[in-house]
Amino acid sequence: MSWIDDNYSNILQWASNITKSDELSGDLAHYAIEQFLTHHRYEEITAKDLLDPGYGHCRGFILAIMRN
């Protein structure tokens, strides 16, 4: 299982919160997932998250993608 698999429902909820429950929030969530998985720092960020899961490296990165 990957971090995305483990947090998929959370990612959908974060997108819904950011968009104030807009009907396109699912599109935002999937866009953020795609950008995260293809980002040149993906390996670095996931490695940091494995070493310190309480810090929220992956969560912060996904949320930054959504906000931008």
PDB file of N, CA and C in Angstrom:
ATOM      1  N   MET A   1       0.836  -1.189   0.000  1.00  0.00           N
ATOM      2  CA  MET A   1       0.000   0.000   0.000  1.00  0.00           C
ATOM      3  C   MET A   1       0.879   1.250   0.000  1.00  0.00           C
ATOM      4  N   SER A   2       0.441   2.223  -0.722  1.00  0.00           N
ATOM      5  CA  SER A   2       1.177   3.483  -0.781  1.00  0.00           C
ATOM      6  C   SER A   2       0.505   4.515   0.118  1.00  0.00           C
ATOM      7  N   TRP A   3       1.180   5.615   0.291  1.00  0.00           N
ATOM      8  CA  TRP A   3       0.619   6.697   1.095  1.00  0.00           C
ATOM      9  C   TRP A   3      -0.693   7.182   0.483  1.00  0.00           C
ATOM     10  N   ILE A   4      -0.741   7.242  -0.832  1.00  0.00           N
ATOM     11  CA  ILE A   4      -1.962   7.668  -1.529  1.00  0.00           C
ATOM     12  C   ILE A   4      -3.111   6.710  -1.211  1.00  0.00           C
ATOM     13  N   ASP A   5      -2.850   5.415  -1.301  1.00  0.00           N
ATOM     14  CA  ASP A   5      -3.888   4.427  -0.998  1.00  0.00           C
ATOM     15  C   ASP A   5      -4.386   4.571   0.436  1.00  0.00           C
ATOM     16  N   ASP A   6      -3.451   4.740   1.356  1.00  0.00           N
ATOM     17  CA  ASP A   6      -3.796   4.846   2.767  1.00  0.00           C
ATOM     18  C   ASP A   6      -4.571   6.119   3.094  1.00  0.00           C
ATOM     19  N   ASN A   7      -4.397   7.165   2.305  1.00  0.00           N
ATOM     20  CA  ASN A   7      -4.978   8.467   2.608  1.00  0.00           C
ATOM     21  C   ASN A   7      -5.954   8.978   1.552  1.00  0.00           C
ATOM     22  N   TYR A   8      -6.389   8.101   0.666  1.00  0.00           N
ATOM     23  CA  TYR A   8      -7.241   8.529  -0.450  1.00  0.00           C
ATOM     24  C   TYR A   8      -8.499   9.254   0.035  1.00  0.00           C
ATOM     25  N   SER A   9      -9.202   8.692   1.001  1.00  0.00           N
ATOM     26  CA  SER A   9     -10.429   9.346   1.474  1.00  0.00           C
ATOM     27  C   SER A   9     -10.113  10.687   2.130  1.00  0.00           C
ATOM     28  N   ASN A  10      -8.978  10.784   2.810  1.00  0.00           N
ATOM     29  CA  ASN A  10      -8.561  12.064   3.389  1.00  0.00           C
ATOM     30  C   ASN A  10      -8.293  13.094   2.294  1.00  0.00           C
ATOM     31  N   ILE A  11      -7.623  12.675   1.233  1.00  0.00           N
ATOM     32  CA  ILE A  11      -7.305  13.584   0.124  1.00  0.00           C
ATOM     33  C   ILE A  11      -8.592  14.133  -0.486  1.00  0.00           C
ATOM     34  N   LEU A  12      -9.570  13.262  -0.679  1.00  0.00           N
ATOM     35  CA  LEU A  12     -10.863  13.718  -1.200  1.00  0.00           C
ATOM     36  C   LEU A  12     -11.514  14.721  -0.251  1.00  0.00           C
ATOM     37  N   GLN A  13     -11.415  14.466   1.039  1.00  0.00           N
ATOM     38  CA  GLN A  13     -12.005  15.378   2.024  1.00  0.00           C
ATOM     39  C   GLN A  13     -11.274  16.720   2.045  1.00  0.00           C
ATOM     40  N   TRP A  14      -9.935  16.690   1.967  1.00  0.00           N
ATOM     41  CA  TRP A  14      -9.162  17.933   1.946  1.00  0.00           C
ATOM     42  C   TRP A  14      -9.550  18.790   0.741  1.00  0.00           C
ATOM     43  N   ALA A  15      -9.701  18.129  -0.416  1.00  0.00           N
ATOM     44  CA  ALA A  15     -10.095  18.860  -1.625  1.00  0.00           C
ATOM     45  C   ALA A  15     -11.492  19.454  -1.457  1.00  0.00           C
ATOM     46  N   SER A  16     -12.381  18.701  -0.858  1.00  0.00           N
ATOM     47  CA  SER A  16     -13.730  19.193  -0.611  1.00  0.00           C
ATOM     48  C   SER A  16     -13.698  20.396   0.332  1.00  0.00           C
ATOM     49  N   ASN A  17     -12.877  20.326   1.350  1.00  0.00           N
ATOM     50  CA  ASN A  17     -12.761  21.438   2.299  1.00  0.00           C
ATOM     51  C   ASN A  17     -12.195  22.687   1.616  1.00  0.00           C
ATOM     52  N   ILE A  18     -11.161  22.510   0.813  1.00  0.00           N
ATOM     53  CA  ILE A  18     -10.524  23.640   0.141  1.00  0.00           C
ATOM     54  C   ILE A  18     -11.486  24.316  -0.833  1.00  0.00           C
ATOM     55  N   THR A  19     -12.287  23.514  -1.524  1.00  0.00           N
ATOM     56  CA  THR A  19     -13.203  24.066  -2.526  1.00  0.00           C
ATOM     57  C   THR A  19     -14.574  24.398  -1.953  1.00  0.00           C
ATOM     58  N   LYS A  20     -14.716  24.245  -0.643  1.00  0.00           N
ATOM     59  CA  LYS A  20     -16.010  24.481   0.015  1.00  0.00           C
ATOM     60  C   LYS A  20     -17.093  23.600  -0.606  1.00  0.00           C
ATOM     61  N   SER A  21     -16.747  22.327  -0.788  1.00  0.00           N
ATOM     62  CA  SER A  21     -17.640  21.281  -1.299  1.00  0.00           C
ATOM     63  C   SER A  21     -18.109  21.503  -2.736  1.00  0.00           C
ATOM     64  N   ASP A  22     -17.299  22.158  -3.540  1.00  0.00           N
ATOM     65  CA  ASP A  22     -17.616  22.339  -4.954  1.00  0.00           C
ATOM     66  C   ASP A  22     -17.689  20.967  -5.625  1.00  0.00           C
ATOM     67  N   GLU A  23     -18.533  20.864  -6.639  1.00  0.00           N
ATOM     68  CA  GLU A  23     -18.699  19.586  -7.345  1.00  0.00           C
ATOM     69  C   GLU A  23     -17.428  19.134  -8.052  1.00  0.00           C
ATOM     70  N   LEU A  24     -16.482  20.046  -8.281  1.00  0.00           N
ATOM     71  CA  LEU A  24     -15.225  19.693  -8.935  1.00  0.00           C
ATOM     72  C   LEU A  24     -14.113  19.354  -7.944  1.00  0.00           C
ATOM     73  N   SER A  25     -14.454  19.200  -6.676  1.00  0.00           N
ATOM     74  CA  SER A  25     -13.431  18.898  -5.677  1.00  0.00           C
ATOM     75  C   SER A  25     -12.737  17.567  -5.962  1.00  0.00           C
ATOM     76  N   GLY A  26     -13.450  16.608  -6.509  1.00  0.00           N
ATOM     77  CA  GLY A  26     -12.843  15.328  -6.878  1.00  0.00           C
ATOM     78  C   GLY A  26     -11.784  15.506  -7.954  1.00  0.00           C
ATOM     79  N   ASP A  27     -12.048  16.408  -8.895  1.00  0.00           N
ATOM     80  CA  ASP A  27     -11.066  16.702  -9.935  1.00  0.00           C
ATOM     81  C   ASP A  27      -9.803  17.303  -9.328  1.00  0.00           C
ATOM     82  N   LEU A  28      -9.990  18.205  -8.361  1.00  0.00           N
ATOM     83  CA  LEU A  28      -8.840  18.801  -7.684  1.00  0.00           C
ATOM     84  C   LEU A  28      -8.030  17.732  -6.956  1.00  0.00           C
ATOM     85  N   ALA A  29      -8.704  16.827  -6.274  1.00  0.00           N
ATOM     86  CA  ALA A  29      -8.013  15.753  -5.547  1.00  0.00           C
ATOM     87  C   ALA A  29      -7.200  14.896  -6.507  1.00  0.00           C
ATOM     88  N   HIS A  30      -7.784  14.512  -7.621  1.00  0.00           N
ATOM     89  CA  HIS A  30      -7.080  13.652  -8.572  1.00  0.00           C
ATOM     90  C   HIS A  30      -5.952  14.393  -9.286  1.00  0.00           C
ATOM     91  N   TYR A  31      -6.144  15.678  -9.533  1.00  0.00           N
ATOM     92  CA  TYR A  31      -5.067  16.485 -10.101  1.00  0.00           C
ATOM     93  C   TYR A  31      -3.886  16.539  -9.126  1.00  0.00           C
ATOM     94  N   ALA A  32      -4.169  16.776  -7.852  1.00  0.00           N
ATOM     95  CA  ALA A  32      -3.107  16.852  -6.845  1.00  0.00           C
ATOM     96  C   ALA A  32      -2.376  15.524  -6.720  1.00  0.00           C
ATOM     97  N   ILE A  33      -3.110  14.431  -6.761  1.00  0.00           N
ATOM     98  CA  ILE A  33      -2.487  13.103  -6.693  1.00  0.00           C
ATOM     99  C   ILE A  33      -1.553  12.902  -7.879  1.00  0.00           C
ATOM    100  N   GLU A  34      -2.023  13.233  -9.071  1.00  0.00           N
ATOM    101  CA  GLU A  34      -1.201  13.085 -10.273  1.00  0.00           C
ATOM    102  C   GLU A  34       0.056  13.944 -10.193  1.00  0.00           C
ATOM    103  N   GLN A  35      -0.106  15.195  -9.776  1.00  0.00           N
ATOM    104  CA  GLN A  35       1.051  16.085  -9.665  1.00  0.00           C
ATOM    105  C   GLN A  35       2.042  15.578  -8.623  1.00  0.00           C
ATOM    106  N   PHE A  36       1.533  15.072  -7.524  1.00  0.00           N
ATOM    107  CA  PHE A  36       2.384  14.529  -6.468  1.00  0.00           C
ATOM    108  C   PHE A  36       3.175  13.318  -6.971  1.00  0.00           C
ATOM    109  N   LEU A  37       2.492  12.390  -7.608  1.00  0.00           N
ATOM    110  CA  LEU A  37       3.146  11.157  -8.072  1.00  0.00           C
ATOM    111  C   LEU A  37       4.184  11.405  -9.162  1.00  0.00           C
ATOM    112  N   THR A  38       4.024  12.472  -9.925  1.00  0.00           N
ATOM    113  CA  THR A  38       4.949  12.742 -11.024  1.00  0.00           C
ATOM    114  C   THR A  38       5.963  13.838 -10.693  1.00  0.00           C
ATOM    115  N   HIS A  39       5.903  14.358  -9.487  1.00  0.00           N
ATOM    116  CA  HIS A  39       6.803  15.445  -9.101  1.00  0.00           C
ATOM    117  C   HIS A  39       8.230  14.920  -8.936  1.00  0.00           C
ATOM    118  N   HIS A  40       9.203  15.745  -9.308  1.00  0.00           N
ATOM    119  CA  HIS A  40      10.599  15.310  -9.225  1.00  0.00           C
ATOM    120  C   HIS A  40      11.068  15.090  -7.783  1.00  0.00           C
ATOM    121  N   ARG A  41      10.359  15.608  -6.800  1.00  0.00           N
ATOM    122  CA  ARG A  41      10.729  15.409  -5.393  1.00  0.00           C
ATOM    123  C   ARG A  41       9.915  14.303  -4.717  1.00  0.00           C
ATOM    124  N   TYR A  42       9.123  13.556  -5.473  1.00  0.00           N
ATOM    125  CA  TYR A  42       8.254  12.522  -4.910  1.00  0.00           C
ATOM    126  C   TYR A  42       9.020  11.551  -4.010  1.00  0.00           C
ATOM    127  N   GLU A  43      10.105  11.005  -4.499  1.00  0.00           N
ATOM    128  CA  GLU A  43      10.875  10.023  -3.722  1.00  0.00           C
ATOM    129  C   GLU A  43      11.397  10.636  -2.426  1.00  0.00           C
ATOM    130  N   GLU A  44      11.895  11.838  -2.513  1.00  0.00           N
ATOM    131  CA  GLU A  44      12.428  12.539  -1.332  1.00  0.00           C
ATOM    132  C   GLU A  44      11.338  12.761  -0.281  1.00  0.00           C
ATOM    133  N   ILE A  45      10.198  13.222  -0.723  1.00  0.00           N
ATOM    134  CA  ILE A  45       9.109  13.542   0.204  1.00  0.00           C
ATOM    135  C   ILE A  45       8.551  12.280   0.850  1.00  0.00           C
ATOM    136  N   THR A  46       8.359  11.229   0.076  1.00  0.00           N
ATOM    137  CA  THR A  46       7.838   9.993   0.656  1.00  0.00           C
ATOM    138  C   THR A  46       8.854   9.358   1.603  1.00  0.00           C
ATOM    139  N   ALA A  47      10.143   9.475   1.300  1.00  0.00           N
ATOM    140  CA  ALA A  47      11.175   8.943   2.202  1.00  0.00           C
ATOM    141  C   ALA A  47      11.154   9.696   3.528  1.00  0.00           C
ATOM    142  N   LYS A  48      11.026  11.023   3.468  1.00  0.00           N
ATOM    143  CA  LYS A  48      10.931  11.816   4.693  1.00  0.00           C
ATOM    144  C   LYS A  48       9.699  11.430   5.498  1.00  0.00           C
ATOM    145  N   ASP A  49       8.596  11.189   4.800  1.00  0.00           N
ATOM    146  CA  ASP A  49       7.356  10.825   5.483  1.00  0.00           C
ATOM    147  C   ASP A  49       7.485   9.478   6.178  1.00  0.00           C
ATOM    148  N   LEU A  50       8.211   8.548   5.567  1.00  0.00           N
ATOM    149  CA  LEU A  50       8.429   7.240   6.196  1.00  0.00           C
ATOM    150  C   LEU A  50       9.283   7.361   7.455  1.00  0.00           C
ATOM    151  N   LEU A  51      10.262   8.253   7.424  1.00  0.00           N
ATOM    152  CA  LEU A  51      11.143   8.435   8.580  1.00  0.00           C
ATOM    153  C   LEU A  51      10.450   9.176   9.721  1.00  0.00           C
ATOM    154  N   ASP A  52       9.559  10.091   9.392  1.00  0.00           N
ATOM    155  CA  ASP A  52       8.880  10.905  10.393  1.00  0.00           C
ATOM    156  C   ASP A  52       7.413  11.081   9.999  1.00  0.00           C
ATOM    157  N   PRO A  53       6.606  10.004  10.143  1.00  0.00           N
ATOM    158  CA  PRO A  53       5.218  10.054   9.659  1.00  0.00           C
ATOM    159  C   PRO A  53       4.343  11.060  10.400  1.00  0.00           C
ATOM    160  N   GLY A  54       4.690  11.415  11.596  1.00  0.00           N
ATOM    161  CA  GLY A  54       3.891  12.355  12.355  1.00  0.00           C
ATOM    162  C   GLY A  54       3.995  13.783  11.859  1.00  0.00           C
ATOM    163  N   TYR A  55       5.036  14.093  11.101  1.00  0.00           N
ATOM    164  CA  TYR A  55       5.256  15.453  10.626  1.00  0.00           C
ATOM    165  C   TYR A  55       4.304  15.844   9.492  1.00  0.00           C
ATOM    166  N   GLY A  56       3.950  14.893   8.641  1.00  0.00           N
ATOM    167  CA  GLY A  56       3.003  15.155   7.563  1.00  0.00           C
ATOM    168  C   GLY A  56       3.612  15.712   6.298  1.00  0.00           C
ATOM    169  N   HIS A  57       4.778  15.213   5.908  1.00  0.00           N
ATOM    170  CA  HIS A  57       5.439  15.694   4.695  1.00  0.00           C
ATOM    171  C   HIS A  57       4.546  15.536   3.463  1.00  0.00           C
ATOM    172  N   CYS A  58       3.995  14.345   3.274  1.00  0.00           N
ATOM    173  CA  CYS A  58       3.153  14.088   2.095  1.00  0.00           C
ATOM    174  C   CYS A  58       1.870  14.905   2.157  1.00  0.00           C
ATOM    175  N   ARG A  59       1.255  14.953   3.319  1.00  0.00           N
ATOM    176  CA  ARG A  59       0.019  15.722   3.479  1.00  0.00           C
ATOM    177  C   ARG A  59       0.258  17.190   3.140  1.00  0.00           C
ATOM    178  N   GLY A  60       1.311  17.747   3.670  1.00  0.00           N
ATOM    179  CA  GLY A  60       1.630  19.150   3.396  1.00  0.00           C
ATOM    180  C   GLY A  60       1.868  19.416   1.938  1.00  0.00           C
ATOM    181  N   PHE A  61       2.538  18.485   1.263  1.00  0.00           N
ATOM    182  CA  PHE A  61       2.832  18.656  -0.153  1.00  0.00           C
ATOM    183  C   PHE A  61       1.556  18.592  -0.989  1.00  0.00           C
ATOM    184  N   ILE A  62       0.704  17.623  -0.700  1.00  0.00           N
ATOM    185  CA  ILE A  62      -0.571  17.494  -1.421  1.00  0.00           C
ATOM    186  C   ILE A  62      -1.430  18.741  -1.211  1.00  0.00           C
ATOM    187  N   LEU A  63      -1.488  19.217   0.026  1.00  0.00           N
ATOM    188  CA  LEU A  63      -2.300  20.408   0.312  1.00  0.00           C
ATOM    189  C   LEU A  63      -1.729  21.650  -0.396  1.00  0.00           C
ATOM    190  N   ALA A  64      -0.424  21.762  -0.481  1.00  0.00           N
ATOM    191  CA  ALA A  64       0.185  22.882  -1.192  1.00  0.00           C
ATOM    192  C   ALA A  64      -0.170  22.847  -2.669  1.00  0.00           C
ATOM    193  N   ILE A  65      -0.165  21.668  -3.255  1.00  0.00           N
ATOM    194  CA  ILE A  65      -0.568  21.521  -4.659  1.00  0.00           C
ATOM    195  C   ILE A  65      -2.007  21.988  -4.826  1.00  0.00           C
ATOM    196  N   MET A  66      -2.872  21.560  -3.932  1.00  0.00           N
ATOM    197  CA  MET A  66      -4.295  21.938  -4.033  1.00  0.00           C
ATOM    198  C   MET A  66      -4.482  23.453  -3.873  1.00  0.00           C
ATOM    199  N   ARG A  67      -3.787  24.045  -2.939  1.00  0.00           N
ATOM    200  CA  ARG A  67      -3.940  25.484  -2.705  1.00  0.00           C
ATOM    201  C   ARG A  67      -3.407  26.315  -3.861  1.00  0.00           C
ATOM    202  N   ASN A  68      -2.383  25.807  -4.522  1.00  0.00           N
ATOM    203  CA  ASN A  68      -1.795  26.570  -5.630  1.00  0.00           C
ATOM    204  C   ASN A  68      -2.596  26.355  -6.890  1.00  0.00           C
TER     205      ASN A  68
END
